[in-house]
Amino acid sequence: MTFHLSGKITIPAEDLARARAALQEHVRLTRAEPGCRAFVVTEQDGGVFEVSESFDDRAAFEAHQARLKGSAWAAATINAVRDYKTWTET
């Protein structure tokens, strides 16, 4: 069952440069993870990013979340507001 996440992340202006600098590596590492089917993060307006993720299953998504905890992206976006929805598709 494919696990999906989509939504927005809003990054405060004071963290934006650091988040932008970490984004490319974050995307590269995530796409290389086992079970990652698709991963797209696109800046819409200053500080607002659209996020779309698909993983083979919830376990692959949870492994992704565990990897993130010590990442530069996590540090850069610690103050961000996240508005996500998740669902499973068979």
C-alpha atoms as a PDB file:
ATOM      1  CA  MET A   1       0.000   0.000   0.000  1.00  0.00           C
ATOM      2  CA  THR A   2       1.525   3.284  -1.091  1.00  0.00           C
ATOM      3  CA  PHE A   3       1.833   5.957   1.590  1.00  0.00           C
ATOM      4  CA  HIS A   4       1.456   9.595   0.472  1.00  0.00           C
ATOM      5  CA  LEU A   5       2.031  12.980   2.051  1.00  0.00           C
ATOM      6  CA  SER A   6       1.226  16.354   0.526  1.00  0.00           C
ATOM      7  CA  GLY A   7       0.851  19.904   1.717  1.00  0.00           C
ATOM      8  CA  LYS A   8       2.805  23.016   2.546  1.00  0.00           C
ATOM      9  CA  ILE A   9       5.679  23.993   4.769  1.00  0.00           C
ATOM     10  CA  THR A  10       6.061  27.673   5.650  1.00  0.00           C
ATOM     11  CA  ILE A  11       9.561  28.639   6.701  1.00  0.00           C
ATOM     12  CA  PRO A  12      10.178  31.836   8.683  1.00  0.00           C
ATOM     13  CA  ALA A  13      12.194  34.523   6.890  1.00  0.00           C
ATOM     14  CA  GLU A  14      15.094  34.210   9.335  1.00  0.00           C
ATOM     15  CA  ASP A  15      15.514  30.494   8.467  1.00  0.00           C
ATOM     16  CA  LEU A  16      14.833  30.719   4.742  1.00  0.00           C
ATOM     17  CA  ALA A  17      18.409  31.042   3.435  1.00  0.00           C
ATOM     18  CA  ARG A  18      19.548  28.060   5.489  1.00  0.00           C
ATOM     19  CA  ALA A  19      16.553  25.976   4.348  1.00  0.00           C
ATOM     20  CA  ARG A  20      17.141  26.823   0.693  1.00  0.00           C
ATOM     21  CA  ALA A  21      20.798  25.834   1.084  1.00  0.00           C
ATOM     22  CA  ALA A  22      19.830  22.456   2.615  1.00  0.00           C
ATOM     23  CA  LEU A  23      16.973  21.631   0.236  1.00  0.00           C
ATOM     24  CA  GLN A  24      18.883  20.111  -2.697  1.00  0.00           C
ATOM     25  CA  GLU A  25      20.739  17.623  -0.475  1.00  0.00           C
ATOM     26  CA  HIS A  26      17.510  16.822   1.385  1.00  0.00           C
ATOM     27  CA  VAL A  27      15.778  15.964  -1.890  1.00  0.00           C
ATOM     28  CA  ARG A  28      18.755  13.925  -3.135  1.00  0.00           C
ATOM     29  CA  LEU A  29      19.024  11.882   0.060  1.00  0.00           C
ATOM     30  CA  THR A  30      15.276  11.277   0.254  1.00  0.00           C
ATOM     31  CA  ARG A  31      14.996  10.105  -3.357  1.00  0.00           C
ATOM     32  CA  ALA A  32      17.824   7.627  -2.663  1.00  0.00           C
ATOM     33  CA  GLU A  33      16.025   6.073   0.312  1.00  0.00           C
ATOM     34  CA  PRO A  34      14.633   2.551  -0.032  1.00  0.00           C
ATOM     35  CA  GLY A  35      10.910   2.747  -0.699  1.00  0.00           C
ATOM     36  CA  CYS A  36      10.827   6.343  -1.963  1.00  0.00           C
ATOM     37  CA  ARG A  37       8.674   6.459  -5.085  1.00  0.00           C
ATOM     38  CA  ALA A  38       8.455  10.235  -5.524  1.00  0.00           C
ATOM     39  CA  PHE A  39       9.619  13.289  -3.612  1.00  0.00           C
ATOM     40  CA  VAL A  40       9.086  16.874  -4.762  1.00  0.00           C
ATOM     41  CA  VAL A  41       9.524  20.124  -2.841  1.00  0.00           C
ATOM     42  CA  THR A  42       8.834  23.349  -4.762  1.00  0.00           C
ATOM     43  CA  GLU A  43       9.027  26.906  -3.481  1.00  0.00           C
ATOM     44  CA  GLN A  44       5.817  28.764  -4.337  1.00  0.00           C
ATOM     45  CA  ASP A  45       6.277  32.144  -2.674  1.00  0.00           C
ATOM     46  CA  GLY A  46       9.004  33.332  -0.366  1.00  0.00           C
ATOM     47  CA  GLY A  47       9.026  30.841   2.463  1.00  0.00           C
ATOM     48  CA  VAL A  48       6.110  28.667   1.305  1.00  0.00           C
ATOM     49  CA  PHE A  49       7.001  25.296  -0.191  1.00  0.00           C
ATOM     50  CA  GLU A  50       4.668  22.699  -1.709  1.00  0.00           C
ATOM     51  CA  VAL A  51       5.568  19.147  -0.668  1.00  0.00           C
ATOM     52  CA  SER A  52       4.550  15.897  -2.352  1.00  0.00           C
ATOM     53  CA  GLU A  53       5.881  12.522  -1.204  1.00  0.00           C
ATOM     54  CA  SER A  54       5.113   8.889  -2.009  1.00  0.00           C
ATOM     55  CA  PHE A  55       6.641   5.836  -0.372  1.00  0.00           C
ATOM     56  CA  ASP A  56       6.111   2.103  -0.859  1.00  0.00           C
ATOM     57  CA  ASP A  57       4.424   1.883   2.549  1.00  0.00           C
ATOM     58  CA  ARG A  58       4.174   3.539   5.937  1.00  0.00           C
ATOM     59  CA  ALA A  59       7.321   1.758   7.156  1.00  0.00           C
ATOM     60  CA  ALA A  60       9.382   3.354   4.365  1.00  0.00           C
ATOM     61  CA  PHE A  61       7.899   6.750   5.239  1.00  0.00           C
ATOM     62  CA  GLU A  62       8.716   6.271   8.923  1.00  0.00           C
ATOM     63  CA  ALA A  63      12.302   5.319   8.016  1.00  0.00           C
ATOM     64  CA  HIS A  64      12.467   8.572   6.038  1.00  0.00           C
ATOM     65  CA  GLN A  65      11.232  10.504   9.080  1.00  0.00           C
ATOM     66  CA  ALA A  66      13.833   8.818  11.291  1.00  0.00           C
ATOM     67  CA  ARG A  67      16.644   9.740   8.880  1.00  0.00           C
ATOM     68  CA  LEU A  68      15.481  13.341   8.822  1.00  0.00           C
ATOM     69  CA  LYS A  69      15.852  13.902  12.543  1.00  0.00           C
ATOM     70  CA  GLY A  70      19.580  14.680  12.417  1.00  0.00           C
ATOM     71  CA  SER A  71      19.653  16.307   8.993  1.00  0.00           C
ATOM     72  CA  ALA A  72      20.584  19.841   7.943  1.00  0.00           C
ATOM     73  CA  TRP A  73      17.049  20.195   6.534  1.00  0.00           C
ATOM     74  CA  ALA A  74      15.497  19.355   9.905  1.00  0.00           C
ATOM     75  CA  ALA A  75      17.726  21.890  11.646  1.00  0.00           C
ATOM     76  CA  ALA A  76      16.962  24.576   9.048  1.00  0.00           C
ATOM     77  CA  THR A  77      13.204  24.029   9.257  1.00  0.00           C
ATOM     78  CA  ILE A  78      12.783  23.491  12.988  1.00  0.00           C
ATOM     79  CA  ASN A  79      10.663  26.665  13.269  1.00  0.00           C
ATOM     80  CA  ALA A  80       8.587  25.975  10.145  1.00  0.00           C
ATOM     81  CA  VAL A  81       4.824  25.539  10.150  1.00  0.00           C
ATOM     82  CA  ARG A  82       3.772  22.322   8.429  1.00  0.00           C
ATOM     83  CA  ASP A  83       0.320  21.719   6.986  1.00  0.00           C
ATOM     84  CA  TYR A  84       0.301  18.185   5.598  1.00  0.00           C
ATOM     85  CA  LYS A  85      -2.211  15.469   4.869  1.00  0.00           C
ATOM     86  CA  THR A  86      -1.340  11.801   4.603  1.00  0.00           C
ATOM     87  CA  TRP A  87      -3.182   8.848   3.113  1.00  0.00           C
ATOM     88  CA  THR A  88      -2.659   5.279   2.045  1.00  0.00           C
ATOM     89  CA  GLU A  89      -3.537   3.979  -1.383  1.00  0.00           C
ATOM     90  CA  THR A  90      -3.911   0.330  -2.280  1.00  0.00           C
END
